Structures are given as structure tokens and as C-alpha cells.
Amino acid sequence: MSDPVSNPIRPTVEPPTGSAHDRVYRALRTRIMHGEIAPGEALTLRGIGREFDVSMTPARESVRRLVAEGALFLSSSGRVSTPELTNERIEELAALRALIEVELASRALPRAHIALIDRLQSINSNVAEMISKRDAVGYIRTNLEFHRTLYLRAQAPAMLAMAETVWLQLGPTMRALYGRLRRTEPPQNHKLIIAALKAGDEPGLRLAVRSDVTQGLRMLAG
């Protein structure tokens, strides 16, 4: 049975330091972003506390932060779960990815040195390996690493934080999408992104990024 986040629950031990709360929050956040938790899957404060060996206080605060970010859903009855996104919500988040990530890529282009391009090619090889292993979580993780590595060169931390919040909300849904796509090779758009970076082709880069971050999601919504 789920533990209502809003109900006061006395911790059975002394509240841990802020670092304990941050550790739980970051671990849960990573799992959700990488699709390790399925859409609609319930989480309980007691279960989180047992897993991370913490009291209710850091478990509750971590959940509250993730609810505020849209990574978890809190029902009126206090049930906590990963969201099950409607088609309209998927379309909205896909549109956000297109707006934010295209702009990040454009800002990164003038700083796209050869070491970055080599790094992206290496990450894309890891993406291919995860696909060959049919490792959905590994695929999502390496795919996001590819995008994050490029966007870090934009030197726009507020914009990147917004993109990561969208990724977080989409994590469980991306896992469902992977199962539907049944990929057998790396996304073609990654190769187009790398080619555009090499050529200094901003229109080509913007098109490749937009296609990469929206095509799959819009197929899922359809």
C-alpha cells in the first residue's frame, strides 16, 4: 500500500543529513530519466526508505522534489507513481524538445571542436552496442549522453536544465517507445548531427536534431 506523501509520518530514526536526501533524490531521478521505472509504477516512502537505508524524511523530500519536476505523480489519495502520459502530453513534450534542443545544438555549433565530434562518434558506438544487446535502459542512457555531451558545448546551463526536466518527465515513456520501435541500428539522425557539426552546417544541424528528438515520440503519440 502506498504511503501518502502529504501525511505526517514520524521518522523512526534521527533525520539524516541533507546529503542523504540528495543521494536518494539523485538516484531516483536517474532511474526515472533512464526508463528503469515503468509508466504508472507505484513507489512507497517505506520502500524507498528501506532500499536506501534512510528515514522517512529524505524519502518524502526526494519524492516531493520529483513530483514538482513532473517525474512522479501524486494522486489525491496519496499514491505516488511515475506518470502515464496522454498523447497530448507526449506531443507537448516533443514540441518542447524540438524548441529547446535545437537551440542548444545551434549554440553549441561554434564550439564544436574535433574532440567533441570524436566523443560523439564514440558515444554513438555505445548506442549501437546497447541496441544490439536489446538493452532498453542502456540505450536511453547512452542516447541522452549523446545529446547532453553536445549541449554542454552551448554553455547555456539554464536551457540545458530545462531540457533535462523534459527528459525526466519522458523517461518511463521512452522505455515504452523503445519496445515499440524495436530498433536494430543507431538512430540515423545521430549520423546526420555529426555530419552537420563537421561541416559547420547550422540548418542541417537544426533539422537533424529536431527530427531526432521528435520522430519517435510523435509515432508513440500517434
Protein backbone atom coordinates (compact mmCIF):
# COMPACT_ATOMS: atom_id res chain seq x y z
CA MET A 1 0.00 0.00 0.00
CA SER A 2 1.35 3.43 -0.93
CA ASP A 3 2.36 5.87 1.78
CA PRO A 4 0.65 9.26 1.38
CA VAL A 5 3.38 11.84 0.92
CA SER A 6 1.19 14.53 2.41
CA ASN A 7 0.53 12.70 5.67
CA PRO A 8 2.90 13.43 8.54
CA ILE A 9 4.98 10.34 9.31
CA ARG A 10 7.38 10.40 12.21
CA PRO A 11 10.84 9.08 11.28
CA THR A 12 11.89 6.04 13.23
CA VAL A 13 15.48 7.25 13.39
CA GLU A 14 17.17 10.62 13.58
CA PRO A 15 16.70 12.53 10.31
CA PRO A 16 19.81 12.10 8.16
CA THR A 17 21.80 14.98 6.80
CA GLY A 18 20.90 16.81 3.61
CA SER A 19 23.38 14.64 1.74
CA ALA A 20 21.19 11.59 2.38
CA HIS A 21 18.20 13.35 0.87
CA ASP A 22 20.28 14.42 -2.14
CA ARG A 23 21.59 10.89 -2.63
CA VAL A 24 18.09 9.41 -2.69
CA TYR A 25 16.78 12.16 -4.96
CA ARG A 26 19.59 11.81 -7.49
CA ALA A 27 19.37 8.01 -7.58
CA LEU A 28 15.60 8.04 -8.15
CA ARG A 29 15.90 10.86 -10.67
CA THR A 30 18.45 8.91 -12.71
CA ARG A 31 16.32 5.75 -12.68
CA ILE A 32 13.26 7.62 -13.87
CA MET A 33 15.15 9.53 -16.59
CA HIS A 34 16.71 6.33 -17.93
CA GLY A 35 13.41 4.45 -18.03
CA GLU A 36 14.23 1.99 -15.26
CA ILE A 37 10.76 2.54 -13.77
CA ALA A 38 7.76 1.75 -15.97
CA PRO A 39 4.91 4.22 -16.59
CA GLY A 40 2.32 4.05 -13.82
CA GLU A 41 4.57 2.09 -11.44
CA ALA A 42 3.90 2.90 -7.78
CA LEU A 43 6.56 3.89 -5.26
CA THR A 44 6.18 4.00 -1.49
CA LEU A 45 8.05 6.02 1.09
CA ARG A 46 8.67 2.91 3.15
CA GLY A 47 10.05 1.06 0.14
CA ILE A 48 12.35 3.97 -0.73
CA GLY A 49 13.48 4.22 2.89
CA ARG A 50 14.28 0.51 3.09
CA GLU A 51 16.17 0.47 -0.21
CA PHE A 52 18.36 3.46 0.61
CA ASP A 53 18.54 2.82 4.36
CA VAL A 54 17.16 6.24 5.26
CA SER A 55 14.29 7.53 7.38
CA MET A 56 11.00 8.85 6.03
CA THR A 57 12.28 12.43 5.93
CA PRO A 58 14.72 12.16 2.99
CA ALA A 59 12.40 9.72 1.22
CA ARG A 60 9.49 12.15 1.47
CA GLU A 61 11.54 15.19 0.45
CA SER A 62 13.01 13.35 -2.55
CA VAL A 63 9.54 12.35 -3.72
CA ARG A 64 8.24 15.89 -3.28
CA ARG A 65 11.05 17.26 -5.43
CA LEU A 66 10.38 14.70 -8.15
CA VAL A 67 6.64 15.42 -8.07
CA ALA A 68 7.43 19.13 -8.51
CA GLU A 69 9.60 18.28 -11.56
CA GLY A 70 6.84 16.18 -13.13
CA ALA A 71 8.86 12.97 -12.77
CA LEU A 72 6.35 11.48 -10.32
CA PHE A 73 2.60 11.85 -9.95
CA LEU A 74 0.86 12.25 -6.60
CA SER A 75 -2.81 11.29 -6.61
CA SER A 76 -5.44 12.79 -4.32
CA SER A 77 -5.32 9.58 -2.29
CA GLY A 78 -1.56 9.96 -1.77
CA ARG A 79 -0.49 7.25 -4.23
CA VAL A 80 2.90 8.05 -5.79
CA SER A 81 3.72 6.70 -9.24
CA THR A 82 5.52 7.50 -12.45
CA PRO A 83 3.19 9.35 -14.84
CA GLU A 84 1.29 7.70 -17.65
CA LEU A 85 1.40 10.38 -20.31
CA THR A 86 -1.53 11.16 -22.59
CA ASN A 87 -0.97 11.61 -26.32
CA GLU A 88 -1.45 15.35 -25.87
CA ARG A 89 1.21 15.48 -23.18
CA ILE A 90 3.66 13.46 -25.33
CA GLU A 91 3.08 15.89 -28.21
CA GLU A 92 3.67 18.84 -25.89
CA LEU A 93 6.92 17.43 -24.54
CA ALA A 94 8.09 16.52 -28.05
CA ALA A 95 7.47 20.13 -29.09
CA LEU A 96 9.45 21.36 -26.08
CA ARG A 97 12.36 19.10 -27.02
CA ALA A 98 12.29 20.49 -30.55
CA LEU A 99 12.37 24.08 -29.31
CA ILE A 100 14.96 23.72 -26.56
CA GLU A 101 17.34 21.16 -28.03
CA VAL A 102 17.51 22.69 -31.48
CA GLU A 103 18.52 25.97 -29.86
CA LEU A 104 21.11 24.23 -27.66
CA ALA A 105 22.62 22.47 -30.68
CA SER A 106 22.77 25.74 -32.62
CA ARG A 107 24.57 27.45 -29.75
CA ALA A 108 26.98 24.52 -29.45
CA LEU A 109 27.96 24.55 -33.14
CA PRO A 110 30.58 27.37 -32.96
CA ARG A 111 32.32 25.47 -30.15
CA ALA A 112 32.16 22.03 -31.81
CA HIS A 113 35.87 21.15 -31.97
CA ILE A 114 37.21 17.87 -33.30
CA ALA A 115 37.50 16.35 -29.82
CA LEU A 116 33.75 16.82 -29.31
CA ILE A 117 32.96 15.21 -32.65
CA ASP A 118 35.21 12.25 -31.82
CA ARG A 119 33.47 11.92 -28.45
CA LEU A 120 30.04 11.93 -30.06
CA GLN A 121 31.12 9.23 -32.51
CA SER A 122 32.36 7.13 -29.60
CA ILE A 123 29.10 7.56 -27.69
CA ASN A 124 27.14 6.66 -30.82
CA SER A 125 29.09 3.40 -30.98
CA ASN A 126 27.92 2.73 -27.43
CA VAL A 127 24.35 3.48 -28.51
CA ALA A 128 24.75 0.86 -31.25
CA GLU A 129 26.08 -1.65 -28.73
CA MET A 130 23.09 -1.13 -26.41
CA ILE A 131 20.73 -1.63 -29.34
CA SER A 132 22.47 -4.84 -30.36
CA LYS A 133 22.10 -6.10 -26.79
CA ARG A 134 18.44 -5.01 -26.75
CA ASP A 135 19.24 -3.11 -23.56
CA ALA A 136 16.47 -0.50 -23.33
CA VAL A 137 17.82 1.30 -20.28
CA GLY A 138 21.34 1.30 -21.72
CA TYR A 139 20.00 2.69 -24.98
CA ILE A 140 18.15 5.55 -23.25
CA ARG A 141 21.18 6.32 -21.07
CA THR A 142 23.67 6.45 -23.96
CA ASN A 143 21.23 8.31 -26.21
CA LEU A 144 20.81 11.04 -23.59
CA GLU A 145 24.57 11.08 -23.05
CA PHE A 146 24.98 11.81 -26.77
CA HIS A 147 22.64 14.79 -26.57
CA ARG A 148 23.95 16.10 -23.24
CA THR A 149 27.56 15.97 -24.47
CA LEU A 150 26.66 18.12 -27.45
CA TYR A 151 24.50 20.55 -25.49
CA LEU A 152 27.12 21.16 -22.82
CA ARG A 153 29.11 22.97 -25.51
CA ALA A 154 26.29 25.51 -25.79
CA GLN A 155 27.30 26.90 -22.39
CA ALA A 156 23.63 27.57 -21.60
CA PRO A 157 23.08 25.85 -18.22
CA ALA A 158 19.54 27.13 -17.64
CA MET A 159 18.43 25.90 -21.04
CA LEU A 160 20.11 22.52 -20.51
CA ALA A 161 18.39 22.19 -17.13
CA MET A 162 15.05 22.72 -18.87
CA ALA A 163 15.90 20.02 -21.42
CA GLU A 164 16.81 17.59 -18.64
CA THR A 165 13.49 18.25 -16.90
CA VAL A 166 11.72 17.26 -20.11
CA TRP A 167 13.87 14.11 -20.37
CA LEU A 168 12.95 13.30 -16.79
CA GLN A 169 9.23 13.52 -17.47
CA LEU A 170 9.63 11.36 -20.59
CA GLY A 171 11.88 8.64 -19.11
CA PRO A 172 9.27 5.93 -18.45
CA THR A 173 7.51 6.72 -21.73
CA MET A 174 10.82 6.45 -23.63
CA ARG A 175 11.14 2.91 -22.28
CA ALA A 176 7.73 2.09 -23.75
CA LEU A 177 8.71 3.73 -27.01
CA TYR A 178 11.88 1.65 -27.27
CA GLY A 179 9.84 -1.54 -27.02
CA ARG A 180 7.57 -0.39 -29.83
CA LEU A 181 10.34 0.75 -32.18
CA ARG A 182 12.33 -2.49 -31.94
CA ARG A 183 15.46 -0.72 -33.15
CA THR A 184 18.21 -2.74 -34.80
CA GLU A 185 20.63 0.09 -35.57
CA PRO A 186 21.57 3.50 -34.15
CA PRO A 187 19.31 6.45 -34.97
CA GLN A 188 20.17 7.72 -38.44
CA ASN A 189 19.79 11.30 -37.23
CA HIS A 190 22.81 10.93 -34.94
CA LYS A 191 24.97 10.44 -38.02
CA LEU A 192 23.37 13.49 -39.61
CA ILE A 193 24.05 15.53 -36.46
CA ILE A 194 27.72 14.55 -36.53
CA ALA A 195 27.99 15.28 -40.26
CA ALA A 196 26.43 18.73 -39.79
CA LEU A 197 28.85 19.51 -36.96
CA LYS A 198 31.80 18.54 -39.13
CA ALA A 199 30.52 20.71 -41.99
CA GLY A 200 29.54 23.65 -39.79
CA ASP A 201 26.06 23.32 -41.30
CA GLU A 202 23.66 25.05 -38.90
CA PRO A 203 20.42 24.50 -40.90
CA GLY A 204 21.34 20.83 -41.34
CA LEU A 205 22.16 20.51 -37.64
CA ARG A 206 18.88 22.10 -36.57
CA LEU A 207 16.90 19.80 -38.87
CA ALA A 208 18.74 16.66 -37.72
CA VAL A 209 18.26 17.46 -34.03
CA ARG A 210 14.59 18.34 -34.49
CA SER A 211 13.96 15.10 -36.37
CA ASP A 212 15.87 13.03 -33.83
CA VAL A 213 14.05 14.32 -30.75
CA THR A 214 10.51 14.28 -32.18
CA GLN A 215 10.08 11.44 -34.68
CA GLY A 216 9.88 8.57 -32.22
CA LEU A 217 7.76 10.40 -29.67
CA ARG A 218 5.24 11.50 -32.26
CA MET A 219 4.98 7.95 -33.54
CA LEU A 220 4.20 6.83 -30.00
CA ALA A 221 1.55 9.53 -29.62
CA GLY A 222 0.05 8.54 -32.96
